[in-house]
């Protein structure tokens, strides 16, 4: 009976979490990460996806489909681009740090596409409340960290130089996708 329960437990674990291997088996190598944001894992919502969904409720934010189009222009959707302007969205490393990207990774290329989109929304729409940056000594003594204001969408060369990526034009040309994306950040594998 206990042997059967052990088998059922191992089978259940392997169904629920496919990366769990039996003790006597060698683990199988995992494939490289998918370059498209994967939103559902085992039926649970990832924390970064929940943060992006929260951002999407604010007027002025752009959906993941828009940021994928920007990434296509910037880096051919190479979300692991390790250049000075890194990640799929080509975010400068100093800008990444200044808008709180370090909470995800030291370089945009090390963050997930969803995390890169969160930082992109901060840059374009929200701004970012720093934690340990102060404008004056008085601000530091009174613990009033600097609020980094939003930079807008036109800091990206692809957005500034391609009218189809101007946020209003993109919304007008992708109305159906816009409505679907604003309601639900979930998007498919692949």
N, C-alpha and C. Protein backbone atom coordinates (compact mmCIF):
# COMPACT_ATOMS: atom_id res chain seq x y z
N UNK A 1 0.82 -1.19 0.00
CA UNK A 1 0.00 0.00 0.00
C UNK A 1 0.86 1.26 0.00
N UNK A 2 1.91 1.29 0.88
CA UNK A 2 2.77 2.47 0.94
C UNK A 2 3.55 2.66 -0.35
N UNK A 3 3.94 1.56 -0.97
CA UNK A 3 4.64 1.66 -2.26
C UNK A 3 3.74 2.30 -3.30
N UNK A 4 2.48 1.92 -3.31
CA UNK A 4 1.53 2.51 -4.27
C UNK A 4 1.35 4.00 -3.99
N UNK A 5 1.26 4.37 -2.70
CA UNK A 5 1.13 5.80 -2.36
C UNK A 5 2.36 6.58 -2.80
N UNK A 6 3.54 5.98 -2.64
CA UNK A 6 4.78 6.64 -3.09
C UNK A 6 4.77 6.85 -4.58
N UNK A 7 4.30 5.84 -5.33
CA UNK A 7 4.21 5.96 -6.78
C UNK A 7 3.23 7.06 -7.17
N UNK A 8 2.07 7.10 -6.50
CA UNK A 8 1.06 8.12 -6.80
C UNK A 8 1.61 9.51 -6.47
N UNK A 9 2.32 9.63 -5.35
CA UNK A 9 2.89 10.93 -4.98
C UNK A 9 3.91 11.39 -6.01
N UNK A 10 4.79 10.48 -6.47
CA UNK A 10 5.77 10.84 -7.49
C UNK A 10 5.09 11.20 -8.80
N UNK A 11 4.06 10.45 -9.16
CA UNK A 11 3.33 10.73 -10.39
C UNK A 11 2.65 12.09 -10.29
N UNK A 12 2.03 12.37 -9.15
CA UNK A 12 1.36 13.66 -8.96
C UNK A 12 2.36 14.79 -9.03
N UNK A 13 3.50 14.64 -8.36
CA UNK A 13 4.53 15.68 -8.41
C UNK A 13 5.02 15.90 -9.83
N UNK A 14 5.20 14.82 -10.58
CA UNK A 14 5.71 14.99 -11.94
C UNK A 14 4.68 15.66 -12.84
N UNK A 15 3.40 15.49 -12.55
CA UNK A 15 2.36 16.17 -13.33
C UNK A 15 2.29 17.63 -12.92
N UNK A 16 2.29 17.89 -11.61
CA UNK A 16 2.18 19.26 -11.12
C UNK A 16 3.42 20.05 -11.45
N UNK A 17 4.56 19.47 -11.27
CA UNK A 17 5.82 20.17 -11.53
C UNK A 17 6.71 19.25 -12.35
N UNK A 18 6.74 19.41 -13.67
CA UNK A 18 7.44 18.45 -14.53
C UNK A 18 8.95 18.41 -14.34
N UNK A 19 9.52 19.40 -13.67
CA UNK A 19 10.97 19.41 -13.50
C UNK A 19 11.43 18.56 -12.32
N UNK A 20 10.47 18.00 -11.54
CA UNK A 20 10.82 17.13 -10.42
C UNK A 20 11.14 15.75 -10.98
N UNK A 21 12.32 15.26 -10.71
CA UNK A 21 12.74 13.96 -11.21
C UNK A 21 12.72 12.94 -10.08
N UNK A 22 12.59 11.67 -10.43
CA UNK A 22 12.70 10.62 -9.42
C UNK A 22 14.14 10.57 -8.92
N UNK A 23 14.31 10.08 -7.72
CA UNK A 23 15.64 10.08 -7.10
C UNK A 23 16.66 9.31 -7.93
N UNK A 24 16.24 8.21 -8.57
CA UNK A 24 17.21 7.41 -9.31
C UNK A 24 17.44 7.91 -10.73
N UNK A 25 16.63 8.86 -11.20
CA UNK A 25 16.79 9.38 -12.56
C UNK A 25 17.63 10.65 -12.56
N UNK A 26 18.39 10.83 -13.61
CA UNK A 26 19.14 12.07 -13.76
C UNK A 26 18.18 13.14 -14.27
N UNK A 27 18.29 14.37 -13.78
CA UNK A 27 17.39 15.41 -14.27
C UNK A 27 17.64 15.68 -15.75
N UNK A 28 16.57 15.96 -16.46
CA UNK A 28 16.72 16.27 -17.88
C UNK A 28 17.09 17.73 -18.03
N UNK A 29 17.94 18.06 -19.01
CA UNK A 29 18.30 19.46 -19.19
C UNK A 29 17.08 20.26 -19.63
N UNK A 30 17.00 21.49 -19.13
CA UNK A 30 15.86 22.33 -19.51
C UNK A 30 16.21 23.09 -20.77
N UNK A 31 15.20 23.42 -21.52
CA UNK A 31 15.42 24.18 -22.75
C UNK A 31 15.66 25.64 -22.40
N UNK A 32 16.24 26.42 -23.32
CA UNK A 32 16.48 27.84 -23.04
C UNK A 32 15.16 28.55 -22.84
N UNK A 33 15.16 29.65 -22.08
CA UNK A 33 13.91 30.34 -21.80
C UNK A 33 13.26 30.84 -23.09
N UNK A 34 11.95 30.79 -23.10
CA UNK A 34 11.18 31.27 -24.23
C UNK A 34 11.31 32.78 -24.31
N UNK A 35 11.43 33.33 -25.49
CA UNK A 35 11.60 34.77 -25.62
C UNK A 35 10.28 35.51 -25.53
N UNK A 36 9.16 34.81 -25.54
CA UNK A 36 7.87 35.44 -25.37
C UNK A 36 7.46 35.29 -23.91
N UNK A 37 6.93 36.34 -23.30
CA UNK A 37 6.56 36.24 -21.90
C UNK A 37 5.57 35.11 -21.65
N UNK A 38 5.88 34.28 -20.71
CA UNK A 38 4.98 33.19 -20.34
C UNK A 38 4.29 33.63 -19.07
N UNK A 39 2.99 33.66 -19.09
CA UNK A 39 2.26 34.28 -18.01
C UNK A 39 1.73 33.28 -16.99
N UNK A 40 1.27 32.15 -17.43
CA UNK A 40 0.73 31.18 -16.49
C UNK A 40 1.74 30.06 -16.27
N UNK A 41 2.00 29.77 -15.02
CA UNK A 41 2.83 28.64 -14.67
C UNK A 41 2.07 27.82 -13.65
N UNK A 42 1.69 26.62 -14.06
CA UNK A 42 0.96 25.71 -13.19
C UNK A 42 -0.34 26.33 -12.66
N UNK A 43 -0.97 27.18 -13.45
CA UNK A 43 -2.25 27.76 -13.05
C UNK A 43 -2.14 28.90 -12.06
N UNK A 44 -0.95 29.27 -11.64
CA UNK A 44 -0.77 30.36 -10.70
C UNK A 44 -0.26 31.58 -11.44
N UNK A 45 -0.57 32.75 -10.95
CA UNK A 45 -0.10 33.99 -11.57
C UNK A 45 1.25 34.35 -10.97
N UNK A 46 2.20 34.69 -11.85
CA UNK A 46 3.51 35.12 -11.37
C UNK A 46 3.40 36.54 -10.82
N UNK A 47 4.28 36.85 -9.89
CA UNK A 47 4.27 38.15 -9.24
C UNK A 47 4.50 39.28 -10.24
N UNK A 48 5.43 39.09 -11.21
CA UNK A 48 5.69 40.14 -12.18
C UNK A 48 4.47 40.38 -13.08
N UNK A 49 3.73 39.33 -13.37
CA UNK A 49 2.53 39.48 -14.20
C UNK A 49 1.46 40.26 -13.44
N UNK A 50 1.32 39.97 -12.15
CA UNK A 50 0.36 40.71 -11.34
C UNK A 50 0.73 42.19 -11.29
N UNK A 51 2.02 42.49 -11.19
CA UNK A 51 2.47 43.89 -11.19
C UNK A 51 2.15 44.56 -12.52
N UNK A 52 2.36 43.85 -13.63
CA UNK A 52 2.05 44.42 -14.94
C UNK A 52 0.55 44.62 -15.09
N UNK A 53 -0.26 43.68 -14.58
CA UNK A 53 -1.71 43.85 -14.64
C UNK A 53 -2.14 45.08 -13.85
N UNK A 54 -1.53 45.30 -12.70
CA UNK A 54 -1.85 46.48 -11.91
C UNK A 54 -1.50 47.76 -12.68
N UNK A 55 -0.36 47.77 -13.36
CA UNK A 55 0.01 48.93 -14.16
C UNK A 55 -0.99 49.17 -15.28
N UNK A 56 -1.50 48.10 -15.89
CA UNK A 56 -2.39 48.21 -17.04
C UNK A 56 -3.71 48.89 -16.69
N UNK A 57 -4.04 48.98 -15.41
CA UNK A 57 -5.28 49.64 -15.00
C UNK A 57 -5.17 51.15 -15.03
N UNK A 58 -3.97 51.66 -15.23
CA UNK A 58 -3.73 53.10 -15.25
C UNK A 58 -3.80 53.63 -16.67
N UNK A 59 -4.48 54.74 -16.84
CA UNK A 59 -4.60 55.35 -18.15
C UNK A 59 -3.21 55.76 -18.65
N UNK A 60 -2.97 55.52 -19.92
CA UNK A 60 -1.71 55.92 -20.53
C UNK A 60 -0.72 54.79 -20.70
N UNK A 61 -0.93 53.67 -19.98
CA UNK A 61 -0.01 52.55 -20.14
C UNK A 61 -0.30 51.84 -21.45
N UNK A 62 0.69 51.16 -21.96
CA UNK A 62 0.54 50.41 -23.20
C UNK A 62 0.60 48.92 -22.89
N UNK A 63 -0.15 48.11 -23.64
CA UNK A 63 -0.22 46.68 -23.36
C UNK A 63 1.04 45.94 -23.83
N UNK A 64 1.19 44.69 -23.39
CA UNK A 64 2.34 43.89 -23.79
C UNK A 64 2.51 43.79 -25.31
N UNK A 65 1.43 43.73 -26.05
CA UNK A 65 1.53 43.64 -27.52
C UNK A 65 2.26 44.86 -28.08
N UNK A 66 2.02 46.02 -27.51
CA UNK A 66 2.72 47.23 -27.95
C UNK A 66 4.21 47.11 -27.66
N UNK A 67 4.54 46.70 -26.43
CA UNK A 67 5.96 46.60 -26.06
C UNK A 67 6.67 45.54 -26.89
N UNK A 68 5.96 44.48 -27.29
CA UNK A 68 6.57 43.49 -28.18
C UNK A 68 6.87 44.10 -29.54
N UNK A 69 5.97 44.99 -30.03
CA UNK A 69 6.23 45.67 -31.30
C UNK A 69 7.45 46.60 -31.19
N UNK A 70 7.56 47.28 -30.05
CA UNK A 70 8.73 48.13 -29.82
C UNK A 70 9.99 47.27 -29.78
N UNK A 71 9.91 46.14 -29.08
CA UNK A 71 11.07 45.23 -28.99
C UNK A 71 11.44 44.69 -30.37
N UNK A 72 10.44 44.44 -31.21
CA UNK A 72 10.73 43.97 -32.57
C UNK A 72 11.55 45.01 -33.32
N UNK A 73 11.20 46.26 -33.16
CA UNK A 73 11.93 47.35 -33.83
C UNK A 73 13.32 47.55 -33.20
N UNK A 74 13.38 47.55 -31.88
CA UNK A 74 14.64 47.84 -31.18
C UNK A 74 15.68 46.73 -31.34
N UNK A 75 15.27 45.47 -31.10
CA UNK A 75 16.26 44.39 -31.03
C UNK A 75 15.80 43.11 -31.73
N UNK A 76 14.81 43.20 -32.58
CA UNK A 76 14.21 42.00 -33.21
C UNK A 76 13.70 41.04 -32.13
N UNK A 77 13.17 41.59 -31.07
CA UNK A 77 12.65 40.86 -29.90
C UNK A 77 13.69 39.96 -29.25
N UNK A 78 14.93 40.41 -29.22
CA UNK A 78 15.98 39.68 -28.51
C UNK A 78 15.96 40.18 -27.06
N UNK A 79 15.13 39.54 -26.23
CA UNK A 79 14.95 39.97 -24.85
C UNK A 79 16.21 39.78 -24.01
N UNK A 80 17.19 39.05 -24.52
CA UNK A 80 18.44 38.84 -23.79
C UNK A 80 19.60 39.65 -24.39
N UNK A 81 19.31 40.69 -25.16
CA UNK A 81 20.35 41.53 -25.76
C UNK A 81 21.20 42.12 -24.64
N UNK A 82 22.52 41.90 -24.70
CA UNK A 82 23.41 42.30 -23.62
C UNK A 82 24.14 43.62 -23.89
N UNK A 83 23.68 44.38 -24.86
CA UNK A 83 24.35 45.62 -25.22
C UNK A 83 24.19 46.72 -24.18
N UNK A 84 24.80 47.87 -24.47
CA UNK A 84 24.70 49.03 -23.57
C UNK A 84 23.24 49.42 -23.39
N UNK A 85 22.46 49.31 -24.47
CA UNK A 85 21.02 49.48 -24.40
C UNK A 85 20.46 48.07 -24.46
N UNK A 86 20.24 47.47 -23.30
CA UNK A 86 20.01 46.04 -23.23
C UNK A 86 18.57 45.61 -23.16
N UNK A 87 18.41 44.30 -23.22
CA UNK A 87 17.10 43.69 -23.20
C UNK A 87 16.37 43.89 -24.50
N UNK A 88 15.17 43.39 -24.59
CA UNK A 88 14.40 43.49 -25.81
C UNK A 88 13.98 44.90 -26.15
N UNK A 89 13.82 45.75 -25.13
CA UNK A 89 13.35 47.11 -25.36
C UNK A 89 14.49 48.11 -25.49
N UNK A 90 15.71 47.65 -25.43
CA UNK A 90 16.86 48.53 -25.60
C UNK A 90 16.93 49.62 -24.56
N UNK A 91 16.75 49.26 -23.29
CA UNK A 91 16.79 50.22 -22.19
C UNK A 91 18.24 50.42 -21.76
N UNK A 92 18.69 51.68 -21.74
CA UNK A 92 20.06 51.98 -21.30
C UNK A 92 20.25 51.50 -19.86
N UNK A 93 21.42 51.00 -19.57
CA UNK A 93 21.67 50.44 -18.24
C UNK A 93 21.50 51.49 -17.13
N UNK A 94 21.87 52.74 -17.38
CA UNK A 94 21.68 53.79 -16.37
C UNK A 94 20.19 54.08 -16.17
N UNK A 95 19.43 54.05 -17.24
CA UNK A 95 17.98 54.26 -17.14
C UNK A 95 17.34 53.09 -16.41
N UNK A 96 17.80 51.88 -16.71
CA UNK A 96 17.31 50.68 -16.04
C UNK A 96 17.48 50.81 -14.53
N UNK A 97 18.67 51.22 -14.12
CA UNK A 97 18.94 51.39 -12.68
C UNK A 97 18.08 52.51 -12.11
N UNK A 98 18.01 53.64 -12.81
CA UNK A 98 17.29 54.81 -12.31
C UNK A 98 15.79 54.61 -12.15
N UNK A 99 15.21 53.71 -12.93
CA UNK A 99 13.77 53.47 -12.84
C UNK A 99 13.46 52.15 -12.13
N UNK A 100 14.37 51.70 -11.30
CA UNK A 100 14.09 50.57 -10.42
C UNK A 100 14.28 49.20 -11.04
N UNK A 101 14.99 49.10 -12.13
CA UNK A 101 15.20 47.80 -12.76
C UNK A 101 16.01 46.84 -11.92
N UNK A 102 16.85 47.40 -11.02
CA UNK A 102 17.68 46.53 -10.18
C UNK A 102 16.84 45.64 -9.26
N UNK A 103 15.59 45.98 -9.03
CA UNK A 103 14.76 45.10 -8.21
C UNK A 103 14.52 43.77 -8.93
N UNK A 104 14.72 43.76 -10.26
CA UNK A 104 14.54 42.54 -11.05
C UNK A 104 15.88 41.90 -11.42
N UNK A 105 16.80 42.71 -11.91
CA UNK A 105 18.09 42.18 -12.37
C UNK A 105 19.07 43.34 -12.53
N UNK A 106 20.36 43.01 -12.57
CA UNK A 106 21.40 44.05 -12.72
C UNK A 106 21.44 44.62 -14.14
N UNK A 107 20.96 43.89 -15.12
CA UNK A 107 20.97 44.34 -16.52
C UNK A 107 19.64 43.93 -17.14
N UNK A 108 19.09 44.74 -18.04
CA UNK A 108 17.80 44.39 -18.64
C UNK A 108 17.77 43.01 -19.29
N UNK A 109 18.90 42.58 -19.83
CA UNK A 109 18.94 41.28 -20.51
C UNK A 109 18.73 40.12 -19.55
N UNK A 110 18.93 40.35 -18.25
CA UNK A 110 18.77 39.29 -17.26
C UNK A 110 17.35 39.24 -16.68
N UNK A 111 16.53 40.21 -17.05
CA UNK A 111 15.15 40.27 -16.57
C UNK A 111 14.22 39.60 -17.57
N UNK A 112 13.06 39.18 -17.09
CA UNK A 112 12.08 38.59 -17.99
C UNK A 112 11.48 39.68 -18.87
N UNK A 113 10.88 39.32 -19.99
CA UNK A 113 10.22 40.33 -20.81
C UNK A 113 9.14 41.11 -20.04
N UNK A 114 8.41 40.43 -19.17
CA UNK A 114 7.37 41.11 -18.39
C UNK A 114 8.02 42.14 -17.46
N UNK A 115 9.13 41.79 -16.82
CA UNK A 115 9.83 42.74 -15.94
C UNK A 115 10.35 43.93 -16.74
N UNK A 116 10.83 43.68 -17.97
CA UNK A 116 11.28 44.77 -18.82
C UNK A 116 10.11 45.69 -19.17
N UNK A 117 8.93 45.13 -19.39
CA UNK A 117 7.75 45.94 -19.69
C UNK A 117 7.32 46.77 -18.49
N UNK A 118 7.47 46.23 -17.29
CA UNK A 118 7.14 46.98 -16.07
C UNK A 118 8.03 48.22 -15.98
N UNK A 119 9.33 48.04 -16.19
CA UNK A 119 10.26 49.17 -16.14
C UNK A 119 9.97 50.15 -17.27
N UNK A 120 9.63 49.64 -18.46
CA UNK A 120 9.29 50.51 -19.59
C UNK A 120 8.08 51.38 -19.26
N UNK A 121 7.08 50.82 -18.59
CA UNK A 121 5.92 51.61 -18.19
C UNK A 121 6.30 52.67 -17.16
N UNK A 122 7.24 52.35 -16.28
CA UNK A 122 7.72 53.36 -15.32
C UNK A 122 8.39 54.51 -16.07
N UNK A 123 9.22 54.15 -17.04
CA UNK A 123 9.94 55.17 -17.81
C UNK A 123 8.96 56.05 -18.58
N UNK A 124 8.00 55.42 -19.24
CA UNK A 124 7.11 56.14 -20.14
C UNK A 124 5.94 56.81 -19.45
N UNK A 125 5.41 56.21 -18.38
CA UNK A 125 4.13 56.69 -17.83
C UNK A 125 4.21 57.10 -16.36
N UNK A 126 4.82 56.28 -15.52
CA UNK A 126 4.69 56.46 -14.08
C UNK A 126 5.77 57.28 -13.41
N UNK A 127 6.99 57.19 -13.87
CA UNK A 127 8.11 57.70 -13.10
C UNK A 127 8.47 56.64 -12.05
N UNK A 128 9.39 56.98 -11.15
CA UNK A 128 9.80 55.98 -10.16
C UNK A 128 10.28 56.66 -8.89
N UNK A 129 9.77 56.17 -7.77
CA UNK A 129 10.22 56.66 -6.47
C UNK A 129 11.49 55.93 -6.08
N UNK A 130 12.60 56.67 -6.04
CA UNK A 130 13.87 56.06 -5.66
C UNK A 130 13.85 55.77 -4.16
N UNK A 131 14.81 54.96 -3.71
CA UNK A 131 14.86 54.63 -2.29
C UNK A 131 16.04 55.27 -1.59
N UNK A 132 17.18 55.39 -2.29
CA UNK A 132 18.38 55.92 -1.63
C UNK A 132 19.04 57.01 -2.48
N UNK A 133 18.26 57.73 -3.25
CA UNK A 133 18.79 58.87 -4.00
C UNK A 133 18.12 60.14 -3.50
N UNK A 134 18.95 61.15 -3.21
CA UNK A 134 18.45 62.39 -2.65
C UNK A 134 19.01 63.56 -3.45
N UNK A 135 18.22 64.63 -3.58
CA UNK A 135 18.69 65.81 -4.30
C UNK A 135 19.54 66.71 -3.42
N UNK A 136 19.19 66.80 -2.16
CA UNK A 136 19.92 67.68 -1.25
C UNK A 136 20.25 66.94 0.04
N UNK A 137 21.16 67.52 0.80
CA UNK A 137 21.50 66.95 2.10
C UNK A 137 20.28 67.00 3.02
N UNK A 138 19.51 68.09 2.94
CA UNK A 138 18.30 68.21 3.75
C UNK A 138 17.32 67.06 3.43
N UNK A 139 17.18 66.75 2.15
CA UNK A 139 16.32 65.63 1.76
C UNK A 139 16.83 64.33 2.37
N UNK A 140 18.13 64.14 2.37
CA UNK A 140 18.70 62.92 2.93
C UNK A 140 18.48 62.86 4.44
N UNK A 141 18.72 63.97 5.12
CA UNK A 141 18.54 64.00 6.57
C UNK A 141 17.09 63.77 6.97
N UNK A 142 16.16 64.21 6.14
CA UNK A 142 14.73 64.06 6.43
C UNK A 142 14.11 62.88 5.69
N UNK A 143 14.96 62.03 5.11
CA UNK A 143 14.52 60.82 4.40
C UNK A 143 13.42 61.11 3.38
N UNK A 144 13.73 62.04 2.46
CA UNK A 144 12.83 62.35 1.35
C UNK A 144 13.53 61.99 0.05
N UNK A 145 13.45 60.72 -0.35
CA UNK A 145 14.12 60.30 -1.57
C UNK A 145 13.56 61.01 -2.80
N UNK A 146 14.39 61.10 -3.80
CA UNK A 146 14.07 61.75 -5.07
C UNK A 146 13.05 60.93 -5.85
N UNK A 147 12.05 61.61 -6.42
CA UNK A 147 11.11 60.95 -7.32
C UNK A 147 11.58 61.24 -8.74
N UNK A 148 11.91 60.17 -9.48
CA UNK A 148 12.37 60.32 -10.86
C UNK A 148 11.14 60.44 -11.75
N UNK A 149 10.94 61.59 -12.40
CA UNK A 149 9.74 61.77 -13.23
C UNK A 149 9.77 60.92 -14.49
N UNK A 150 8.60 60.68 -15.03
CA UNK A 150 8.52 59.88 -16.25
C UNK A 150 9.23 60.60 -17.39
N UNK A 151 9.74 59.83 -18.31
CA UNK A 151 10.45 60.39 -19.47
C UNK A 151 9.58 60.41 -20.72
N UNK A 152 8.51 59.65 -20.72
CA UNK A 152 7.64 59.58 -21.88
C UNK A 152 8.08 58.47 -22.84
N UNK A 153 7.31 58.31 -23.90
CA UNK A 153 7.55 57.23 -24.86
C UNK A 153 8.64 57.57 -25.88
N UNK A 154 8.88 58.84 -26.11
CA UNK A 154 9.73 59.22 -27.24
C UNK A 154 11.22 59.19 -26.95
N UNK A 155 11.61 58.65 -25.79
CA UNK A 155 13.02 58.40 -25.52
C UNK A 155 13.53 57.18 -26.29
N UNK A 156 12.62 56.32 -26.70
CA UNK A 156 12.99 55.17 -27.54
C UNK A 156 13.11 55.65 -28.97
N UNK A 157 14.24 55.39 -29.58
CA UNK A 157 14.46 55.80 -30.97
C UNK A 157 13.44 55.22 -31.92
N UNK A 158 13.08 53.97 -31.70
CA UNK A 158 12.10 53.33 -32.59
C UNK A 158 10.73 53.99 -32.48
N UNK A 159 10.35 54.41 -31.29
CA UNK A 159 9.05 55.07 -31.13
C UNK A 159 9.10 56.45 -31.75
N UNK A 160 10.16 57.19 -31.47
CA UNK A 160 10.27 58.55 -32.00
C UNK A 160 10.35 58.58 -33.52
N UNK A 161 11.00 57.59 -34.11
CA UNK A 161 11.26 57.62 -35.55
C UNK A 161 10.30 56.79 -36.40
N UNK A 162 9.36 56.12 -35.78
CA UNK A 162 8.40 55.30 -36.52
C UNK A 162 6.99 55.66 -36.08
N UNK A 163 6.27 56.34 -36.94
CA UNK A 163 4.93 56.83 -36.59
C UNK A 163 3.99 55.70 -36.17
N UNK A 164 4.15 54.50 -36.73
CA UNK A 164 3.25 53.41 -36.36
C UNK A 164 3.42 53.00 -34.90
N UNK A 165 4.56 53.36 -34.28
CA UNK A 165 4.78 53.06 -32.86
C UNK A 165 4.41 54.22 -31.94
N UNK A 166 4.01 55.35 -32.47
CA UNK A 166 3.51 56.42 -31.59
C UNK A 166 2.29 55.85 -30.88
N UNK A 167 2.21 55.98 -29.58
CA UNK A 167 1.14 55.31 -28.84
C UNK A 167 -0.27 55.53 -29.40
N UNK A 168 -0.62 56.75 -29.75
CA UNK A 168 -1.96 56.99 -30.29
C UNK A 168 -2.15 56.28 -31.62
N UNK A 169 -1.18 56.34 -32.50
CA UNK A 169 -1.28 55.65 -33.78
C UNK A 169 -1.38 54.14 -33.59
N UNK A 170 -0.59 53.60 -32.68
CA UNK A 170 -0.63 52.16 -32.45
C UNK A 170 -2.01 51.75 -31.94
N UNK A 171 -2.56 52.52 -30.98
CA UNK A 171 -3.90 52.23 -30.46
C UNK A 171 -4.94 52.26 -31.58
N UNK A 172 -4.86 53.30 -32.43
CA UNK A 172 -5.83 53.44 -33.52
C UNK A 172 -5.74 52.28 -34.50
N UNK A 173 -4.54 51.80 -34.76
CA UNK A 173 -4.33 50.72 -35.73
C UNK A 173 -4.56 49.33 -35.15
N UNK A 174 -4.64 49.23 -33.83
CA UNK A 174 -4.77 47.92 -33.18
C UNK A 174 -5.90 47.94 -32.15
N UNK A 175 -7.02 48.50 -32.51
CA UNK A 175 -8.13 48.67 -31.56
C UNK A 175 -8.56 47.38 -30.87
N UNK A 176 -8.77 46.32 -31.66
CA UNK A 176 -9.23 45.06 -31.08
C UNK A 176 -8.19 44.50 -30.11
N UNK A 177 -6.94 44.48 -30.52
CA UNK A 177 -5.86 44.01 -29.67
C UNK A 177 -5.73 44.89 -28.44
N UNK A 178 -5.90 46.19 -28.61
CA UNK A 178 -5.83 47.14 -27.50
C UNK A 178 -6.88 46.81 -26.45
N UNK A 179 -8.13 46.61 -26.88
CA UNK A 179 -9.20 46.32 -25.93
C UNK A 179 -8.95 44.99 -25.20
N UNK A 180 -8.53 43.98 -25.94
CA UNK A 180 -8.25 42.68 -25.32
C UNK A 180 -7.10 42.78 -24.32
N UNK A 181 -6.06 43.50 -24.69
CA UNK A 181 -4.88 43.61 -23.83
C UNK A 181 -5.16 44.41 -22.58
N UNK A 182 -5.97 45.45 -22.69
CA UNK A 182 -6.27 46.27 -21.52
C UNK A 182 -7.13 45.51 -20.51
N UNK A 183 -7.96 44.58 -21.02
CA UNK A 183 -8.79 43.78 -20.12
C UNK A 183 -7.99 42.68 -19.45
N UNK A 184 -7.03 42.12 -20.17
CA UNK A 184 -6.35 40.94 -19.68
C UNK A 184 -4.92 40.92 -20.20
N UNK A 185 -3.96 40.91 -19.31
CA UNK A 185 -2.55 40.92 -19.70
C UNK A 185 -2.09 39.54 -20.15
N UNK A 186 -2.89 38.53 -19.90
CA UNK A 186 -2.50 37.17 -20.27
C UNK A 186 -2.31 37.07 -21.77
N UNK A 187 -1.22 36.46 -22.17
CA UNK A 187 -0.98 36.24 -23.59
C UNK A 187 -0.35 34.87 -23.76
N UNK A 188 -0.50 34.27 -24.93
CA UNK A 188 -0.16 32.86 -25.11
C UNK A 188 1.34 32.59 -25.16
N UNK A 189 1.65 31.29 -24.99
CA UNK A 189 3.02 30.82 -25.20
C UNK A 189 3.36 31.00 -26.67
N UNK A 190 4.66 30.98 -26.99
CA UNK A 190 5.03 30.93 -28.39
C UNK A 190 5.57 32.11 -28.97
